[in-house]
Amino acid sequence: MRNLLALIGLAVVLFAGLGWYLGWYKLSVAKTDDGKLQIKADVDAQKVKDDSGTFFKNAATAIGKKLEESGPEPKDAKGAPAGTPGPIAPPAPDRPNGPIPLIPPK
């Protein structure tokens, strides 16, 4: 549980740092006439939308190229991917199934 919370914290910090670096938002701090601090955040939602759309488009293109380079997966005669193990038959018994006769036949 602690590791999950640490992972979530890391994701939040990375998102905040990336957003600040890419100009998704701007923070400004000012002092009011009362002597209180005023913190303003301006979020550029259109820039976030454009940047994320570009990222996903580039990721899809890169994945598509990798899939094309690897080519189609070879298939065997049954339609399964090559190298897939087939069903394993149980070993044949040395003796027939059923009761063992106590008296040998004559």
N, C-alpha and C. Protein backbone atom coordinates (compact mmCIF):
# COMPACT_ATOMS: atom_id res chain seq x y z
N MET A 1 0.83 -1.19 0.00
CA MET A 1 0.00 0.00 0.00
C MET A 1 0.87 1.25 0.00
N ARG A 2 1.95 1.17 0.78
CA ARG A 2 2.84 2.32 0.87
C ARG A 2 3.51 2.57 -0.49
N ASN A 3 3.85 1.49 -1.19
CA ASN A 3 4.47 1.64 -2.51
C ASN A 3 3.50 2.26 -3.51
N LEU A 4 2.24 1.89 -3.42
CA LEU A 4 1.23 2.46 -4.31
C LEU A 4 1.09 3.96 -4.07
N LEU A 5 1.07 4.37 -2.81
CA LEU A 5 0.98 5.80 -2.51
C LEU A 5 2.22 6.54 -2.99
N ALA A 6 3.38 5.93 -2.87
CA ALA A 6 4.61 6.55 -3.36
C ALA A 6 4.57 6.69 -4.88
N LEU A 7 4.03 5.70 -5.57
CA LEU A 7 3.91 5.76 -7.02
C LEU A 7 2.95 6.88 -7.44
N ILE A 8 1.84 7.01 -6.73
CA ILE A 8 0.88 8.07 -7.03
C ILE A 8 1.53 9.43 -6.78
N GLY A 9 2.26 9.56 -5.68
CA GLY A 9 2.96 10.81 -5.39
C GLY A 9 3.97 11.16 -6.46
N LEU A 10 4.71 10.17 -6.93
CA LEU A 10 5.68 10.40 -7.99
C LEU A 10 4.99 10.86 -9.27
N ALA A 11 3.87 10.23 -9.61
CA ALA A 11 3.12 10.61 -10.81
C ALA A 11 2.63 12.06 -10.72
N VAL A 12 2.16 12.47 -9.54
CA VAL A 12 1.68 13.85 -9.36
C VAL A 12 2.82 14.84 -9.51
N VAL A 13 3.96 14.52 -8.90
CA VAL A 13 5.11 15.42 -8.98
C VAL A 13 5.61 15.52 -10.43
N LEU A 14 5.68 14.39 -11.14
CA LEU A 14 6.12 14.42 -12.54
C LEU A 14 5.15 15.21 -13.41
N PHE A 15 3.86 15.02 -13.19
CA PHE A 15 2.86 15.75 -13.97
C PHE A 15 2.97 17.25 -13.70
N ALA A 16 3.15 17.62 -12.43
CA ALA A 16 3.26 19.04 -12.08
C ALA A 16 4.53 19.65 -12.70
N GLY A 17 5.64 18.95 -12.61
CA GLY A 17 6.88 19.47 -13.18
C GLY A 17 6.82 19.57 -14.69
N LEU A 18 6.27 18.54 -15.34
CA LEU A 18 6.14 18.55 -16.79
C LEU A 18 5.20 19.66 -17.24
N GLY A 19 4.10 19.83 -16.52
CA GLY A 19 3.15 20.89 -16.87
C GLY A 19 3.76 22.28 -16.75
N TRP A 20 4.55 22.49 -15.71
CA TRP A 20 5.20 23.79 -15.54
C TRP A 20 6.22 24.01 -16.64
N TYR A 21 7.01 22.96 -16.97
CA TYR A 21 8.04 23.07 -17.99
C TYR A 21 7.44 23.35 -19.37
N LEU A 22 6.33 22.69 -19.69
CA LEU A 22 5.69 22.87 -21.00
C LEU A 22 4.79 24.09 -21.07
N GLY A 23 4.62 24.80 -19.97
CA GLY A 23 3.82 26.02 -19.98
C GLY A 23 2.32 25.77 -19.93
N TRP A 24 1.92 24.66 -19.33
CA TRP A 24 0.50 24.36 -19.21
C TRP A 24 -0.16 25.27 -18.19
N TYR A 25 0.58 25.71 -17.22
CA TYR A 25 0.04 26.61 -16.21
C TYR A 25 1.13 27.54 -15.72
N LYS A 26 0.68 28.67 -15.15
CA LYS A 26 1.60 29.64 -14.58
C LYS A 26 1.10 29.99 -13.18
N LEU A 27 2.02 30.07 -12.26
CA LEU A 27 1.69 30.45 -10.89
C LEU A 27 2.22 31.85 -10.63
N SER A 28 1.42 32.63 -9.95
CA SER A 28 1.89 33.96 -9.56
C SER A 28 1.50 34.21 -8.10
N VAL A 29 2.41 34.84 -7.39
CA VAL A 29 2.20 35.13 -5.98
C VAL A 29 2.25 36.64 -5.80
N ALA A 30 1.26 37.18 -5.11
CA ALA A 30 1.22 38.63 -4.87
C ALA A 30 0.72 38.86 -3.45
N LYS A 31 1.09 40.02 -2.91
CA LYS A 31 0.64 40.40 -1.57
C LYS A 31 -0.53 41.37 -1.72
N THR A 32 -1.61 41.11 -1.01
CA THR A 32 -2.78 41.98 -1.08
C THR A 32 -2.58 43.18 -0.15
N ASP A 33 -3.52 44.11 -0.19
CA ASP A 33 -3.44 45.30 0.67
C ASP A 33 -3.56 44.92 2.15
N ASP A 34 -4.22 43.77 2.42
CA ASP A 34 -4.38 43.32 3.80
C ASP A 34 -3.10 42.68 4.35
N GLY A 35 -2.11 42.44 3.50
CA GLY A 35 -0.89 41.78 3.93
C GLY A 35 -0.94 40.28 3.74
N LYS A 36 -1.99 39.77 3.11
CA LYS A 36 -2.12 38.33 2.87
C LYS A 36 -1.50 37.98 1.52
N LEU A 37 -1.05 36.74 1.42
CA LEU A 37 -0.52 36.27 0.14
C LEU A 37 -1.65 35.77 -0.74
N GLN A 38 -1.57 36.15 -1.99
CA GLN A 38 -2.56 35.70 -2.96
C GLN A 38 -1.81 34.89 -4.02
N ILE A 39 -2.22 33.64 -4.21
CA ILE A 39 -1.60 32.76 -5.20
C ILE A 39 -2.61 32.52 -6.31
N LYS A 40 -2.18 32.82 -7.55
CA LYS A 40 -3.05 32.62 -8.70
C LYS A 40 -2.44 31.59 -9.62
N ALA A 41 -3.28 30.74 -10.16
CA ALA A 41 -2.84 29.74 -11.14
C ALA A 41 -3.64 29.96 -12.42
N ASP A 42 -2.93 30.15 -13.52
CA ASP A 42 -3.55 30.29 -14.83
C ASP A 42 -3.25 29.04 -15.63
N VAL A 43 -4.30 28.30 -15.99
CA VAL A 43 -4.15 27.04 -16.72
C VAL A 43 -4.52 27.27 -18.18
N ASP A 44 -3.64 26.85 -19.08
CA ASP A 44 -3.88 26.94 -20.52
C ASP A 44 -4.39 25.57 -20.99
N ALA A 45 -5.70 25.36 -20.88
CA ALA A 45 -6.30 24.06 -21.18
C ALA A 45 -6.13 23.68 -22.65
N GLN A 46 -6.15 24.67 -23.55
CA GLN A 46 -5.99 24.37 -24.97
C GLN A 46 -4.59 23.83 -25.26
N LYS A 47 -3.59 24.39 -24.60
CA LYS A 47 -2.21 23.90 -24.78
C LYS A 47 -2.06 22.48 -24.25
N VAL A 48 -2.70 22.18 -23.11
CA VAL A 48 -2.67 20.82 -22.56
C VAL A 48 -3.30 19.85 -23.55
N LYS A 49 -4.44 20.23 -24.11
CA LYS A 49 -5.15 19.38 -25.06
C LYS A 49 -4.31 19.15 -26.32
N ASP A 50 -3.71 20.22 -26.85
CA ASP A 50 -2.90 20.09 -28.06
C ASP A 50 -1.67 19.22 -27.82
N ASP A 51 -0.97 19.46 -26.70
CA ASP A 51 0.24 18.69 -26.40
C ASP A 51 -0.07 17.22 -26.18
N SER A 52 -1.15 16.92 -25.46
CA SER A 52 -1.49 15.51 -25.21
C SER A 52 -1.93 14.83 -26.51
N GLY A 53 -2.66 15.53 -27.35
CA GLY A 53 -3.05 14.96 -28.65
C GLY A 53 -1.85 14.65 -29.51
N THR A 54 -0.88 15.56 -29.53
CA THR A 54 0.35 15.34 -30.29
C THR A 54 1.13 14.15 -29.74
N PHE A 55 1.21 14.06 -28.41
CA PHE A 55 1.93 12.94 -27.79
C PHE A 55 1.30 11.61 -28.17
N PHE A 56 -0.02 11.49 -28.04
CA PHE A 56 -0.68 10.22 -28.33
C PHE A 56 -0.60 9.88 -29.82
N LYS A 57 -0.63 10.88 -30.69
CA LYS A 57 -0.51 10.63 -32.12
C LYS A 57 0.89 10.11 -32.44
N ASN A 58 1.92 10.72 -31.84
CA ASN A 58 3.30 10.26 -32.07
C ASN A 58 3.52 8.87 -31.48
N ALA A 59 2.93 8.59 -30.32
CA ALA A 59 3.07 7.27 -29.71
C ALA A 59 2.42 6.21 -30.58
N ALA A 60 1.24 6.50 -31.13
CA ALA A 60 0.55 5.54 -31.99
C ALA A 60 1.35 5.28 -33.26
N THR A 61 1.96 6.32 -33.82
CA THR A 61 2.78 6.16 -35.02
C THR A 61 4.00 5.29 -34.73
N ALA A 62 4.66 5.54 -33.60
CA ALA A 62 5.85 4.76 -33.24
C ALA A 62 5.49 3.29 -33.01
N ILE A 63 4.39 3.04 -32.33
CA ILE A 63 3.96 1.66 -32.08
C ILE A 63 3.60 0.97 -33.40
N GLY A 64 2.92 1.69 -34.28
CA GLY A 64 2.56 1.13 -35.59
C GLY A 64 3.79 0.76 -36.40
N LYS A 65 4.82 1.61 -36.37
CA LYS A 65 6.05 1.31 -37.11
C LYS A 65 6.73 0.07 -36.55
N LYS A 66 6.76 -0.05 -35.23
CA LYS A 66 7.39 -1.22 -34.61
C LYS A 66 6.64 -2.49 -34.99
N LEU A 67 5.31 -2.42 -35.02
CA LEU A 67 4.52 -3.60 -35.40
C LEU A 67 4.73 -3.97 -36.86
N GLU A 68 4.87 -2.97 -37.72
CA GLU A 68 5.11 -3.25 -39.14
C GLU A 68 6.49 -3.86 -39.34
N GLU A 69 7.49 -3.39 -38.57
CA GLU A 69 8.85 -3.92 -38.69
C GLU A 69 8.90 -5.39 -38.28
N SER A 70 8.16 -5.73 -37.25
CA SER A 70 8.20 -7.11 -36.78
C SER A 70 7.46 -8.04 -37.73
N GLY A 71 6.56 -7.52 -38.53
CA GLY A 71 5.84 -8.32 -39.51
C GLY A 71 4.75 -9.15 -38.85
N PRO A 72 3.97 -9.84 -39.68
CA PRO A 72 2.91 -10.68 -39.12
C PRO A 72 3.51 -11.88 -38.41
N GLU A 73 2.80 -12.34 -37.43
CA GLU A 73 3.25 -13.50 -36.66
C GLU A 73 3.05 -14.75 -37.50
N PRO A 74 4.09 -15.61 -37.66
CA PRO A 74 3.91 -16.83 -38.46
C PRO A 74 2.91 -17.76 -37.79
N LYS A 75 2.11 -18.42 -38.62
CA LYS A 75 1.08 -19.33 -38.11
C LYS A 75 1.40 -20.75 -38.56
N ASP A 76 1.01 -21.71 -37.74
CA ASP A 76 1.15 -23.09 -38.17
C ASP A 76 -0.12 -23.52 -38.90
N ALA A 77 -0.23 -24.78 -39.27
CA ALA A 77 -1.36 -25.26 -40.06
C ALA A 77 -2.69 -25.11 -39.34
N LYS A 78 -2.69 -25.14 -38.02
CA LYS A 78 -3.94 -25.07 -37.26
C LYS A 78 -4.37 -23.63 -36.98
N GLY A 79 -3.54 -22.65 -37.35
CA GLY A 79 -3.90 -21.26 -37.13
C GLY A 79 -3.34 -20.68 -35.84
N ALA A 80 -2.65 -21.48 -35.05
CA ALA A 80 -2.05 -20.98 -33.82
C ALA A 80 -0.71 -20.35 -34.15
N PRO A 81 -0.24 -19.37 -33.37
CA PRO A 81 1.08 -18.80 -33.62
C PRO A 81 2.15 -19.89 -33.56
N ALA A 82 3.13 -19.78 -34.43
CA ALA A 82 4.21 -20.77 -34.47
C ALA A 82 4.93 -20.81 -33.14
N GLY A 83 5.28 -21.97 -32.72
CA GLY A 83 5.99 -22.12 -31.45
C GLY A 83 5.07 -22.32 -30.27
N THR A 84 3.76 -22.26 -30.50
CA THR A 84 2.82 -22.48 -29.42
C THR A 84 2.74 -23.98 -29.16
N PRO A 85 2.95 -24.41 -27.93
CA PRO A 85 2.87 -25.85 -27.68
C PRO A 85 1.44 -26.34 -27.83
N GLY A 86 1.31 -27.54 -28.35
CA GLY A 86 0.00 -28.13 -28.54
C GLY A 86 -0.44 -28.85 -27.28
N PRO A 87 -1.58 -29.50 -27.35
CA PRO A 87 -2.05 -30.23 -26.17
C PRO A 87 -1.12 -31.41 -25.88
N ILE A 88 -0.93 -31.67 -24.63
CA ILE A 88 -0.05 -32.75 -24.21
C ILE A 88 -0.92 -33.95 -23.86
N ALA A 89 -0.64 -35.08 -24.52
CA ALA A 89 -1.40 -36.30 -24.26
C ALA A 89 -0.81 -37.00 -23.04
N PRO A 90 -1.66 -37.58 -22.20
CA PRO A 90 -1.12 -38.29 -21.04
C PRO A 90 -0.36 -39.53 -21.50
N PRO A 91 0.64 -39.95 -20.73
CA PRO A 91 1.40 -41.13 -21.14
C PRO A 91 0.49 -42.36 -21.18
N ALA A 92 0.77 -43.24 -22.14
CA ALA A 92 -0.03 -44.46 -22.27
C ALA A 92 0.30 -45.41 -21.12
N PRO A 93 -0.71 -46.02 -20.53
CA PRO A 93 -0.43 -46.94 -19.42
C PRO A 93 0.20 -48.24 -19.95
N ASP A 94 1.00 -48.86 -19.09
CA ASP A 94 1.65 -50.13 -19.45
C ASP A 94 0.65 -51.28 -19.40
N ARG A 95 -0.39 -51.14 -18.66
CA ARG A 95 -1.36 -52.20 -18.51
C ARG A 95 -2.74 -51.61 -18.78
N PRO A 96 -3.68 -52.42 -19.16
CA PRO A 96 -5.02 -51.91 -19.41
C PRO A 96 -5.68 -51.46 -18.11
N ASN A 97 -6.57 -50.54 -18.28
CA ASN A 97 -7.31 -50.05 -17.12
C ASN A 97 -8.26 -51.12 -16.63
N GLY A 98 -8.55 -51.12 -15.38
CA GLY A 98 -9.49 -52.09 -14.81
C GLY A 98 -8.83 -52.91 -13.73
N PRO A 99 -9.57 -53.85 -13.15
CA PRO A 99 -9.00 -54.64 -12.08
C PRO A 99 -7.95 -55.63 -12.59
N ILE A 100 -6.98 -55.89 -11.75
CA ILE A 100 -5.93 -56.85 -12.08
C ILE A 100 -6.43 -58.22 -11.63
N PRO A 101 -6.42 -59.24 -12.56
CA PRO A 101 -6.91 -60.56 -12.15
C PRO A 101 -5.93 -61.21 -11.17
N LEU A 102 -6.48 -61.87 -10.15
CA LEU A 102 -5.65 -62.53 -9.16
C LEU A 102 -5.16 -63.90 -9.64
N ILE A 103 -5.96 -64.52 -10.46
CA ILE A 103 -5.59 -65.83 -10.99
C ILE A 103 -5.27 -65.66 -12.48
N PRO A 104 -4.09 -66.07 -12.87
CA PRO A 104 -3.73 -65.91 -14.28
C PRO A 104 -4.62 -66.80 -15.14
N PRO A 105 -4.95 -66.35 -16.34
CA PRO A 105 -5.77 -67.19 -17.23
C PRO A 105 -5.00 -68.42 -17.67
N LYS A 106 -5.72 -69.55 -17.94
CA LYS A 106 -5.09 -70.82 -18.34
C LYS A 106 -4.99 -70.98 -19.80
